[in-house]
Amino acid sequence: MQLIDGKAVSAQMKKEIAEEVDRIREAGGKIPHLAAVLVGHDGGSETYVANKVKTCEEVGFQSTLIRYEEDVTEEELLACVDRLNKDPEIDGFIVQLPLPKHISDQKIIEAVDYRKDVDGFHPINVGRMSIGLPCFVSATPAGILELLKRYEIETKGKHCVVLGRSNIVGKPMASLMMQKAYPGDCTVTVCHSRSANLKEMCLEADIIIVALGVPEFLKADMVKEGAVVIDVGTTRMPSSVTKSGYKLTGDVKFDEVSAKCSYITPVPGGVGPMTIISLMRNTLLAGKKEIYP
């Protein structure tokens, strides 16, 4: 069993991006600029956005954080998106999800200029991704592809089971794994809460990508010997042994499953670190106008 170390891969990518930013600066080019919009004070969102701003600094990007209170109106937020769309200084921006219940996530996503949509959530980016055209790929699936690539894990002709059908991970992951590309060229099965014979389907899989948000859902009796397991889950579970009082738990019962795997991602330290660095890479591509000139 080999651990897929997302921390080490993201550190390597961070170094590569920082070196590229240095080259842009030396050539007198425009430094990539990422803006983040944060609504309210959700603990998870606060942490994610703080990490994104910190990583921008580390790779040499410019960053802008725009904050609104929980009671911001949808109209005010749409006006902010419109300003960012029109601002030539901003190369890419994100509106941190989820938003308060009185604001439509989808309406905000669709208001973002797809050429600045470094989250890869806009229907134009999602559509382009599904037919294999250049686009911004959402950060978590992009990070998983990078891990498979850097660990040289064979995907061609393999059976990949994706557990979960969310718009952010499950659906794009399935689409990417069946593309004529590497990583890709898989036969893909998508399973979800309504799937029958889920255990049997998992037992046939060479690669299992688990993105359900159900702690320790995937157990050893669902995994065949030598499978590759990618765990996207991060649920905060109460813990008496950590200073914070909780620990991050994945969707895979790691102690059981890891003994059967050829490769597996840990939680934390697997897919998580790849998500932020993939967002940085999208921002670099946006700054260089490599996807949409």
C-alpha atoms as a PDB file:
ATOM      1  CA  MET A   1       0.000   0.000   0.000  1.00  0.00           C
ATOM      2  CA  GLN A   2       1.322   3.424  -0.946  1.00  0.00           C
ATOM      3  CA  LEU A   3      -0.017   6.632   0.579  1.00  0.00           C
ATOM      4  CA  ILE A   4      -0.846   9.367  -1.933  1.00  0.00           C
ATOM      5  CA  ASP A   5       0.634  12.430  -0.257  1.00  0.00           C
ATOM      6  CA  GLY A   6      -1.432  15.451  -1.305  1.00  0.00           C
ATOM      7  CA  LYS A   7       0.559  17.690   1.018  1.00  0.00           C
ATOM      8  CA  ALA A   8       3.825  16.909  -0.756  1.00  0.00           C
ATOM      9  CA  VAL A   9       2.310  17.223  -4.253  1.00  0.00           C
ATOM     10  CA  SER A  10       0.622  20.539  -3.421  1.00  0.00           C
ATOM     11  CA  ALA A  11       3.913  21.858  -1.969  1.00  0.00           C
ATOM     12  CA  GLN A  12       5.648  20.931  -5.232  1.00  0.00           C
ATOM     13  CA  MET A  13       2.919  22.634  -7.295  1.00  0.00           C
ATOM     14  CA  LYS A  14       3.090  25.716  -5.053  1.00  0.00           C
ATOM     15  CA  LYS A  15       6.822  25.953  -5.781  1.00  0.00           C
ATOM     16  CA  GLU A  16       6.215  25.558  -9.540  1.00  0.00           C
ATOM     17  CA  ILE A  17       3.531  28.286  -9.565  1.00  0.00           C
ATOM     18  CA  ALA A  18       5.693  30.669  -7.485  1.00  0.00           C
ATOM     19  CA  GLU A  19       8.592  30.184  -9.931  1.00  0.00           C
ATOM     20  CA  GLU A  20       6.286  30.968 -12.850  1.00  0.00           C
ATOM     21  CA  VAL A  21       5.030  34.134 -11.106  1.00  0.00           C
ATOM     22  CA  ASP A  22       8.676  35.189 -10.624  1.00  0.00           C
ATOM     23  CA  ARG A  23       9.249  34.758 -14.364  1.00  0.00           C
ATOM     24  CA  ILE A  24       6.141  36.854 -15.155  1.00  0.00           C
ATOM     25  CA  ARG A  25       7.347  39.580 -12.771  1.00  0.00           C
ATOM     26  CA  GLU A  26      10.851  39.601 -14.273  1.00  0.00           C
ATOM     27  CA  ALA A  27       9.379  39.921 -17.766  1.00  0.00           C
ATOM     28  CA  GLY A  28       7.271  42.897 -16.640  1.00  0.00           C
ATOM     29  CA  GLY A  29       3.993  40.988 -17.016  1.00  0.00           C
ATOM     30  CA  LYS A  30       0.798  41.305 -14.984  1.00  0.00           C
ATOM     31  CA  ILE A  31       0.800  39.428 -11.672  1.00  0.00           C
ATOM     32  CA  PRO A  32      -2.316  37.180 -11.357  1.00  0.00           C
ATOM     33  CA  HIS A  33      -4.989  38.673  -9.085  1.00  0.00           C
ATOM     34  CA  LEU A  34      -7.595  36.523  -7.295  1.00  0.00           C
ATOM     35  CA  ALA A  35     -10.584  38.002  -5.468  1.00  0.00           C
ATOM     36  CA  ALA A  36     -12.669  36.071  -2.934  1.00  0.00           C
ATOM     37  CA  VAL A  37     -16.141  37.050  -1.752  1.00  0.00           C
ATOM     38  CA  LEU A  38     -17.135  35.775   1.704  1.00  0.00           C
ATOM     39  CA  VAL A  39     -20.648  36.102   3.093  1.00  0.00           C
ATOM     40  CA  GLY A  40     -21.314  35.653   6.814  1.00  0.00           C
ATOM     41  CA  HIS A  41     -19.141  33.904   9.389  1.00  0.00           C
ATOM     42  CA  ASP A  42     -19.425  30.162   8.734  1.00  0.00           C
ATOM     43  CA  GLY A  43     -16.396  28.529  10.393  1.00  0.00           C
ATOM     44  CA  GLY A  44     -15.562  26.215   7.493  1.00  0.00           C
ATOM     45  CA  SER A  45     -15.887  28.979   4.895  1.00  0.00           C
ATOM     46  CA  GLU A  46     -13.765  31.363   7.006  1.00  0.00           C
ATOM     47  CA  THR A  47     -10.990  28.763   7.186  1.00  0.00           C
ATOM     48  CA  TYR A  48     -11.123  27.935   3.466  1.00  0.00           C
ATOM     49  CA  VAL A  49     -10.991  31.586   2.406  1.00  0.00           C
ATOM     50  CA  ALA A  50      -8.195  32.417   4.875  1.00  0.00           C
ATOM     51  CA  ASN A  51      -6.172  29.510   3.435  1.00  0.00           C
ATOM     52  CA  LYS A  52      -6.812  30.716  -0.120  1.00  0.00           C
ATOM     53  CA  VAL A  53      -5.635  34.266   0.701  1.00  0.00           C
ATOM     54  CA  LYS A  54      -2.556  32.873   2.499  1.00  0.00           C
ATOM     55  CA  THR A  55      -1.670  30.627  -0.468  1.00  0.00           C
ATOM     56  CA  CYS A  56      -2.012  33.609  -2.836  1.00  0.00           C
ATOM     57  CA  GLU A  57       0.662  35.384  -0.791  1.00  0.00           C
ATOM     58  CA  GLU A  58       2.913  32.315  -0.812  1.00  0.00           C
ATOM     59  CA  VAL A  59       2.857  31.968  -4.609  1.00  0.00           C
ATOM     60  CA  GLY A  60       3.172  35.727  -5.224  1.00  0.00           C
ATOM     61  CA  PHE A  61      -0.363  36.481  -6.458  1.00  0.00           C
ATOM     62  CA  GLN A  62      -2.290  39.614  -5.590  1.00  0.00           C
ATOM     63  CA  SER A  63      -5.468  38.883  -3.645  1.00  0.00           C
ATOM     64  CA  THR A  64      -8.533  40.818  -2.550  1.00  0.00           C
ATOM     65  CA  LEU A  65     -10.993  39.667   0.107  1.00  0.00           C
ATOM     66  CA  ILE A  66     -14.502  41.165  -0.001  1.00  0.00           C
ATOM     67  CA  ARG A  67     -16.692  40.497   3.028  1.00  0.00           C
ATOM     68  CA  TYR A  68     -20.441  40.803   3.525  1.00  0.00           C
ATOM     69  CA  GLU A  69     -22.598  40.121   6.543  1.00  0.00           C
ATOM     70  CA  GLU A  70     -25.123  37.260   6.536  1.00  0.00           C
ATOM     71  CA  ASP A  71     -28.009  39.668   5.759  1.00  0.00           C
ATOM     72  CA  VAL A  72     -26.576  40.941   2.455  1.00  0.00           C
ATOM     73  CA  THR A  73     -29.274  40.949  -0.241  1.00  0.00           C
ATOM     74  CA  GLU A  74     -29.053  38.895  -3.406  1.00  0.00           C
ATOM     75  CA  GLU A  75     -29.124  42.162  -5.400  1.00  0.00           C
ATOM     76  CA  GLU A  76     -26.109  43.540  -3.509  1.00  0.00           C
ATOM     77  CA  LEU A  77     -24.162  40.333  -4.086  1.00  0.00           C
ATOM     78  CA  LEU A  78     -25.058  40.276  -7.793  1.00  0.00           C
ATOM     79  CA  ALA A  79     -23.886  43.899  -8.055  1.00  0.00           C
ATOM     80  CA  CYS A  80     -20.556  42.889  -6.472  1.00  0.00           C
ATOM     81  CA  VAL A  81     -20.190  40.019  -8.984  1.00  0.00           C
ATOM     82  CA  ASP A  82     -20.912  42.461 -11.807  1.00  0.00           C
ATOM     83  CA  ARG A  83     -18.188  44.842 -10.563  1.00  0.00           C
ATOM     84  CA  LEU A  84     -15.652  42.009 -10.386  1.00  0.00           C
ATOM     85  CA  ASN A  85     -16.627  40.811 -13.871  1.00  0.00           C
ATOM     86  CA  LYS A  86     -15.885  44.292 -15.244  1.00  0.00           C
ATOM     87  CA  ASP A  87     -12.711  45.003 -13.235  1.00  0.00           C
ATOM     88  CA  PRO A  88      -9.698  44.483 -15.561  1.00  0.00           C
ATOM     89  CA  GLU A  89      -7.384  44.161 -12.547  1.00  0.00           C
ATOM     90  CA  ILE A  90      -9.149  40.987 -11.333  1.00  0.00           C
ATOM     91  CA  ASP A  91      -8.150  37.871 -13.319  1.00  0.00           C
ATOM     92  CA  GLY A  92     -10.339  35.411 -11.447  1.00  0.00           C
ATOM     93  CA  PHE A  93     -12.680  35.372  -8.478  1.00  0.00           C
ATOM     94  CA  ILE A  94     -14.693  33.042  -6.303  1.00  0.00           C
ATOM     95  CA  VAL A  95     -17.851  33.494  -4.265  1.00  0.00           C
ATOM     96  CA  GLN A  96     -17.428  31.119  -1.318  1.00  0.00           C
ATOM     97  CA  LEU A  97     -20.295  28.615  -1.071  1.00  0.00           C
ATOM     98  CA  PRO A  98     -22.644  27.798   0.552  1.00  0.00           C
ATOM     99  CA  LEU A  99     -24.452  31.133   0.679  1.00  0.00           C
ATOM    100  CA  PRO A 100     -27.242  32.074   3.141  1.00  0.00           C
ATOM    101  CA  LYS A 101     -30.616  30.500   2.334  1.00  0.00           C
ATOM    102  CA  HIS A 102     -32.164  33.737   0.983  1.00  0.00           C
ATOM    103  CA  ILE A 103     -29.570  33.841  -1.822  1.00  0.00           C
ATOM    104  CA  SER A 104     -29.611  31.426  -4.766  1.00  0.00           C
ATOM    105  CA  ASP A 105     -26.196  29.762  -5.151  1.00  0.00           C
ATOM    106  CA  GLN A 106     -27.018  28.949  -8.769  1.00  0.00           C
ATOM    107  CA  LYS A 107     -28.014  32.505  -9.649  1.00  0.00           C
ATOM    108  CA  ILE A 108     -24.693  33.788  -8.277  1.00  0.00           C
ATOM    109  CA  ILE A 109     -22.685  31.067 -10.078  1.00  0.00           C
ATOM    110  CA  GLU A 110     -24.332  31.919 -13.407  1.00  0.00           C
ATOM    111  CA  ALA A 111     -23.716  35.655 -12.906  1.00  0.00           C
ATOM    112  CA  VAL A 112     -19.924  35.121 -12.750  1.00  0.00           C
ATOM    113  CA  ASP A 113     -18.123  35.758 -16.063  1.00  0.00           C
ATOM    114  CA  TYR A 114     -17.073  32.229 -17.101  1.00  0.00           C
ATOM    115  CA  ARG A 115     -13.687  33.653 -18.182  1.00  0.00           C
ATOM    116  CA  LYS A 116     -13.034  34.611 -14.532  1.00  0.00           C
ATOM    117  CA  ASP A 117     -14.752  31.556 -13.020  1.00  0.00           C
ATOM    118  CA  VAL A 118     -11.655  29.959 -11.468  1.00  0.00           C
ATOM    119  CA  ASP A 119     -13.913  27.718  -9.328  1.00  0.00           C
ATOM    120  CA  GLY A 120     -15.054  26.051 -12.570  1.00  0.00           C
ATOM    121  CA  PHE A 121     -18.729  26.073 -11.534  1.00  0.00           C
ATOM    122  CA  HIS A 122     -20.253  28.132 -14.374  1.00  0.00           C
ATOM    123  CA  PRO A 123     -22.387  26.041 -16.800  1.00  0.00           C
ATOM    124  CA  ILE A 124     -20.112  27.096 -19.692  1.00  0.00           C
ATOM    125  CA  ASN A 125     -17.034  25.703 -17.939  1.00  0.00           C
ATOM    126  CA  VAL A 126     -18.920  22.572 -16.867  1.00  0.00           C
ATOM    127  CA  GLY A 127     -20.209  22.056 -20.420  1.00  0.00           C
ATOM    128  CA  ARG A 128     -16.794  22.601 -22.002  1.00  0.00           C
ATOM    129  CA  MET A 129     -15.249  20.170 -19.527  1.00  0.00           C
ATOM    130  CA  SER A 130     -17.810  17.487 -20.366  1.00  0.00           C
ATOM    131  CA  ILE A 131     -16.877  17.555 -24.067  1.00  0.00           C
ATOM    132  CA  GLY A 132     -13.147  17.864 -23.476  1.00  0.00           C
ATOM    133  CA  LEU A 133     -12.593  21.531 -24.403  1.00  0.00           C
ATOM    134  CA  PRO A 134     -10.149  23.820 -22.551  1.00  0.00           C
ATOM    135  CA  CYS A 135     -11.846  25.276 -19.473  1.00  0.00           C
ATOM    136  CA  PHE A 136     -11.448  25.918 -15.772  1.00  0.00           C
ATOM    137  CA  VAL A 137     -11.949  22.525 -14.109  1.00  0.00           C
ATOM    138  CA  SER A 138     -13.339  22.728 -10.579  1.00  0.00           C
ATOM    139  CA  ALA A 139     -10.584  22.498  -8.017  1.00  0.00           C
ATOM    140  CA  THR A 140     -11.238  19.188  -6.258  1.00  0.00           C
ATOM    141  CA  PRO A 141     -11.589  17.058  -9.424  1.00  0.00           C
ATOM    142  CA  ALA A 142      -8.588  18.868 -10.959  1.00  0.00           C
ATOM    143  CA  GLY A 143      -6.576  18.085  -7.811  1.00  0.00           C
ATOM    144  CA  ILE A 144      -7.506  14.404  -7.953  1.00  0.00           C
ATOM    145  CA  LEU A 145      -6.413  14.175 -11.601  1.00  0.00           C
ATOM    146  CA  GLU A 146      -3.090  15.751 -10.655  1.00  0.00           C
ATOM    147  CA  LEU A 147      -2.544  13.178  -7.887  1.00  0.00           C
ATOM    148  CA  LEU A 148      -3.258  10.286 -10.271  1.00  0.00           C
ATOM    149  CA  LYS A 149      -0.885  11.817 -12.824  1.00  0.00           C
ATOM    150  CA  ARG A 150       1.984  12.535 -10.448  1.00  0.00           C
ATOM    151  CA  TYR A 151       1.800   9.063  -8.927  1.00  0.00           C
ATOM    152  CA  GLU A 152       1.639   7.596 -12.469  1.00  0.00           C
ATOM    153  CA  ILE A 153      -1.431   5.529 -11.598  1.00  0.00           C
ATOM    154  CA  GLU A 154      -2.711   3.630 -14.635  1.00  0.00           C
ATOM    155  CA  THR A 155      -6.282   4.596 -15.568  1.00  0.00           C
ATOM    156  CA  LYS A 156      -6.699   3.406 -19.177  1.00  0.00           C
ATOM    157  CA  GLY A 157      -9.276   0.624 -19.425  1.00  0.00           C
ATOM    158  CA  LYS A 158      -9.802   0.569 -15.653  1.00  0.00           C
ATOM    159  CA  HIS A 159     -13.192   0.421 -13.975  1.00  0.00           C
ATOM    160  CA  CYS A 160     -13.679   3.581 -11.904  1.00  0.00           C
ATOM    161  CA  VAL A 161     -16.538   3.810  -9.415  1.00  0.00           C
ATOM    162  CA  VAL A 162     -17.464   7.323  -8.243  1.00  0.00           C
ATOM    163  CA  LEU A 163     -19.488   7.387  -5.029  1.00  0.00           C
ATOM    164  CA  GLY A 164     -21.502  10.603  -5.033  1.00  0.00           C
ATOM    165  CA  ARG A 165     -23.169  12.722  -7.723  1.00  0.00           C
ATOM    166  CA  SER A 166     -22.645  16.291  -6.524  1.00  0.00           C
ATOM    167  CA  ASN A 167     -22.116  19.047  -9.088  1.00  0.00           C
ATOM    168  CA  ILE A 168     -18.835  19.990  -7.397  1.00  0.00           C
ATOM    169  CA  VAL A 169     -17.126  16.577  -7.238  1.00  0.00           C
ATOM    170  CA  GLY A 170     -19.092  13.490  -8.278  1.00  0.00           C
ATOM    171  CA  LYS A 171     -20.422  14.537 -11.694  1.00  0.00           C
ATOM    172  CA  PRO A 172     -17.281  16.326 -12.952  1.00  0.00           C
ATOM    173  CA  MET A 173     -15.081  13.491 -11.643  1.00  0.00           C
ATOM    174  CA  ALA A 174     -17.085  10.897 -13.581  1.00  0.00           C
ATOM    175  CA  SER A 175     -16.931  13.043 -16.722  1.00  0.00           C
ATOM    176  CA  LEU A 176     -13.151  13.558 -16.442  1.00  0.00           C
ATOM    177  CA  MET A 177     -12.376   9.893 -15.785  1.00  0.00           C
ATOM    178  CA  MET A 178     -14.125   8.844 -19.011  1.00  0.00           C
ATOM    179  CA  GLN A 179     -12.399  11.456 -21.239  1.00  0.00           C
ATOM    180  CA  LYS A 180     -10.005  10.316 -23.978  1.00  0.00           C
ATOM    181  CA  ALA A 181      -6.990  11.466 -21.980  1.00  0.00           C
ATOM    182  CA  TYR A 182      -4.639  10.579 -19.170  1.00  0.00           C
ATOM    183  CA  PRO A 183      -5.806  10.382 -16.449  1.00  0.00           C
ATOM    184  CA  GLY A 184      -9.007   9.043 -18.017  1.00  0.00           C
ATOM    185  CA  ASP A 185     -10.056   6.365 -20.521  1.00  0.00           C
ATOM    186  CA  CYS A 186     -11.906   4.611 -17.689  1.00  0.00           C
ATOM    187  CA  THR A 187     -15.180   2.746 -17.692  1.00  0.00           C
ATOM    188  CA  VAL A 188     -17.081   4.809 -15.121  1.00  0.00           C
ATOM    189  CA  THR A 189     -19.931   3.852 -12.792  1.00  0.00           C
ATOM    190  CA  VAL A 190     -21.558   6.556 -10.654  1.00  0.00           C
ATOM    191  CA  CYS A 191     -23.193   5.346  -7.450  1.00  0.00           C
ATOM    192  CA  HIS A 192     -25.295   7.359  -5.012  1.00  0.00           C
ATOM    193  CA  SER A 193     -27.837   7.071  -2.206  1.00  0.00           C
ATOM    194  CA  ARG A 194     -30.401   5.420  -4.508  1.00  0.00           C
ATOM    195  CA  SER A 195     -28.014   2.858  -6.028  1.00  0.00           C
ATOM    196  CA  ALA A 196     -28.854  -0.814  -5.553  1.00  0.00           C
ATOM    197  CA  ASN A 197     -26.037  -3.415  -5.282  1.00  0.00           C
ATOM    198  CA  LEU A 198     -23.611  -0.675  -4.291  1.00  0.00           C
ATOM    199  CA  LYS A 199     -21.246  -3.060  -2.494  1.00  0.00           C
ATOM    200  CA  GLU A 200     -21.057  -5.380  -5.517  1.00  0.00           C
ATOM    201  CA  MET A 201     -20.253  -2.477  -7.838  1.00  0.00           C
ATOM    202  CA  CYS A 202     -17.489  -1.233  -5.530  1.00  0.00           C
ATOM    203  CA  LEU A 203     -15.974  -4.724  -5.401  1.00  0.00           C
ATOM    204  CA  GLU A 204     -15.569  -4.636  -9.198  1.00  0.00           C
ATOM    205  CA  ALA A 205     -13.761  -1.283  -9.168  1.00  0.00           C
ATOM    206  CA  ASP A 206     -10.069  -0.775  -9.890  1.00  0.00           C
ATOM    207  CA  ILE A 207     -10.368   2.858  -8.768  1.00  0.00           C
ATOM    208  CA  ILE A 208     -12.884   4.147  -6.199  1.00  0.00           C
ATOM    209  CA  ILE A 209     -13.409   7.892  -5.696  1.00  0.00           C
ATOM    210  CA  VAL A 210     -15.531   8.498  -2.598  1.00  0.00           C
ATOM    211  CA  ALA A 211     -17.293  11.858  -2.312  1.00  0.00           C
ATOM    212  CA  LEU A 212     -20.400  11.231  -0.234  1.00  0.00           C
ATOM    213  CA  GLY A 213     -19.770  13.233   2.945  1.00  0.00           C
ATOM    214  CA  VAL A 214     -20.628  10.143   5.018  1.00  0.00           C
ATOM    215  CA  PRO A 215     -17.829   9.391   7.512  1.00  0.00           C
ATOM    216  CA  GLU A 216     -16.174   5.964   7.118  1.00  0.00           C
ATOM    217  CA  PHE A 217     -18.777   4.801   4.600  1.00  0.00           C
ATOM    218  CA  LEU A 218     -16.394   2.687   2.484  1.00  0.00           C
ATOM    219  CA  LYS A 219     -15.355  -0.413   4.407  1.00  0.00           C
ATOM    220  CA  ALA A 220     -12.863  -3.198   3.669  1.00  0.00           C
ATOM    221  CA  ASP A 221     -15.539  -5.655   2.527  1.00  0.00           C
ATOM    222  CA  MET A 222     -16.450  -3.226  -0.305  1.00  0.00           C
ATOM    223  CA  VAL A 223     -12.935  -3.023  -1.794  1.00  0.00           C
ATOM    224  CA  LYS A 224     -11.025  -5.569  -3.848  1.00  0.00           C
ATOM    225  CA  GLU A 225      -7.319  -6.289  -3.353  1.00  0.00           C
ATOM    226  CA  GLY A 226      -5.079  -3.789  -5.145  1.00  0.00           C
ATOM    227  CA  ALA A 227      -7.725  -1.106  -5.706  1.00  0.00           C
ATOM    228  CA  VAL A 228      -6.849   2.606  -5.776  1.00  0.00           C
ATOM    229  CA  VAL A 229      -8.978   4.590  -3.288  1.00  0.00           C
ATOM    230  CA  ILE A 230      -9.371   8.383  -3.373  1.00  0.00           C
ATOM    231  CA  ASP A 231     -11.151   9.798  -0.314  1.00  0.00           C
ATOM    232  CA  VAL A 232     -12.731  13.237  -0.829  1.00  0.00           C
ATOM    233  CA  GLY A 233     -14.667  13.269   2.452  1.00  0.00           C
ATOM    234  CA  THR A 234     -13.866  15.729   5.233  1.00  0.00           C
ATOM    235  CA  THR A 235     -16.351  15.627   8.100  1.00  0.00           C
ATOM    236  CA  ARG A 236     -15.544  17.218  11.455  1.00  0.00           C
ATOM    237  CA  MET A 237     -16.104  14.548  14.100  1.00  0.00           C
ATOM    238  CA  PRO A 238     -15.916  15.156  17.860  1.00  0.00           C
ATOM    239  CA  SER A 239     -12.647  13.923  19.342  1.00  0.00           C
ATOM    240  CA  SER A 240     -11.338  13.834  22.896  1.00  0.00           C
ATOM    241  CA  VAL A 241      -7.712  13.408  21.780  1.00  0.00           C
ATOM    242  CA  THR A 242      -7.274  16.611  19.740  1.00  0.00           C
ATOM    243  CA  LYS A 243      -6.780  20.121  21.104  1.00  0.00           C
ATOM    244  CA  SER A 244      -9.557  21.509  18.861  1.00  0.00           C
ATOM    245  CA  GLY A 245     -12.072  18.943  20.129  1.00  0.00           C
ATOM    246  CA  TYR A 246     -12.681  17.490  16.683  1.00  0.00           C
ATOM    247  CA  LYS A 247     -10.864  15.557  13.974  1.00  0.00           C
ATOM    248  CA  LEU A 248     -11.318  15.460  10.222  1.00  0.00           C
ATOM    249  CA  THR A 249     -12.717  12.120   9.138  1.00  0.00           C
ATOM    250  CA  GLY A 250     -12.889  10.847   5.589  1.00  0.00           C
ATOM    251  CA  ASP A 251     -15.536   8.790   3.797  1.00  0.00           C
ATOM    252  CA  VAL A 252     -13.251   5.727   3.967  1.00  0.00           C
ATOM    253  CA  LYS A 253     -12.652   3.526   7.022  1.00  0.00           C
ATOM    254  CA  PHE A 254      -8.944   4.057   6.511  1.00  0.00           C
ATOM    255  CA  ASP A 255      -7.456   1.494   8.950  1.00  0.00           C
ATOM    256  CA  GLU A 256      -9.498  -1.325   7.404  1.00  0.00           C
ATOM    257  CA  VAL A 257      -9.392  -0.316   3.744  1.00  0.00           C
ATOM    258  CA  SER A 258      -5.753   0.776   3.425  1.00  0.00           C
ATOM    259  CA  ALA A 259      -4.490  -2.778   3.982  1.00  0.00           C
ATOM    260  CA  LYS A 260      -6.178  -3.863   0.729  1.00  0.00           C
ATOM    261  CA  CYS A 261      -5.205  -0.906  -1.481  1.00  0.00           C
ATOM    262  CA  SER A 262      -2.362  -0.377  -3.909  1.00  0.00           C
ATOM    263  CA  TYR A 263      -2.755   3.402  -3.385  1.00  0.00           C
ATOM    264  CA  ILE A 264      -4.916   5.430  -0.990  1.00  0.00           C
ATOM    265  CA  THR A 265      -5.293   9.087   0.028  1.00  0.00           C
ATOM    266  CA  PRO A 266      -5.290   9.883   3.763  1.00  0.00           C
ATOM    267  CA  VAL A 267      -7.611  12.386   5.472  1.00  0.00           C
ATOM    268  CA  PRO A 268      -6.319  14.938   6.222  1.00  0.00           C
ATOM    269  CA  GLY A 269      -3.375  15.412   3.854  1.00  0.00           C
ATOM    270  CA  GLY A 270      -4.695  13.748   0.705  1.00  0.00           C
ATOM    271  CA  VAL A 271      -7.194  15.482  -1.582  1.00  0.00           C
ATOM    272  CA  GLY A 272      -7.684  18.524   0.702  1.00  0.00           C
ATOM    273  CA  PRO A 273      -4.376  20.329   0.041  1.00  0.00           C
ATOM    274  CA  MET A 274      -4.845  19.759  -3.717  1.00  0.00           C
ATOM    275  CA  THR A 275      -8.085  21.726  -3.826  1.00  0.00           C
ATOM    276  CA  ILE A 276      -6.556  25.101  -2.928  1.00  0.00           C
ATOM    277  CA  ILE A 277      -3.473  24.647  -5.115  1.00  0.00           C
ATOM    278  CA  SER A 278      -5.709  23.701  -8.079  1.00  0.00           C
ATOM    279  CA  LEU A 279      -7.596  26.963  -7.569  1.00  0.00           C
ATOM    280  CA  MET A 280      -4.226  28.755  -7.682  1.00  0.00           C
ATOM    281  CA  ARG A 281      -3.349  27.028 -10.926  1.00  0.00           C
ATOM    282  CA  ASN A 282      -6.685  28.088 -12.441  1.00  0.00           C
ATOM    283  CA  THR A 283      -5.921  31.664 -11.336  1.00  0.00           C
ATOM    284  CA  LEU A 284      -2.495  31.478 -12.990  1.00  0.00           C
ATOM    285  CA  LEU A 285      -4.138  30.240 -16.216  1.00  0.00           C
ATOM    286  CA  ALA A 286      -6.684  33.089 -15.970  1.00  0.00           C
ATOM    287  CA  GLY A 287      -3.921  35.653 -15.423  1.00  0.00           C
ATOM    288  CA  LYS A 288      -1.982  34.363 -18.431  1.00  0.00           C
ATOM    289  CA  LYS A 289      -5.220  34.209 -20.509  1.00  0.00           C
ATOM    290  CA  GLU A 290      -4.330  30.619 -21.405  1.00  0.00           C
ATOM    291  CA  ILE A 291      -7.883  29.235 -21.376  1.00  0.00           C
ATOM    292  CA  TYR A 292      -9.835  32.241 -22.670  1.00  0.00           C
ATOM    293  CA  PRO A 293      -7.484  34.684 -24.489  1.00  0.00           C
END
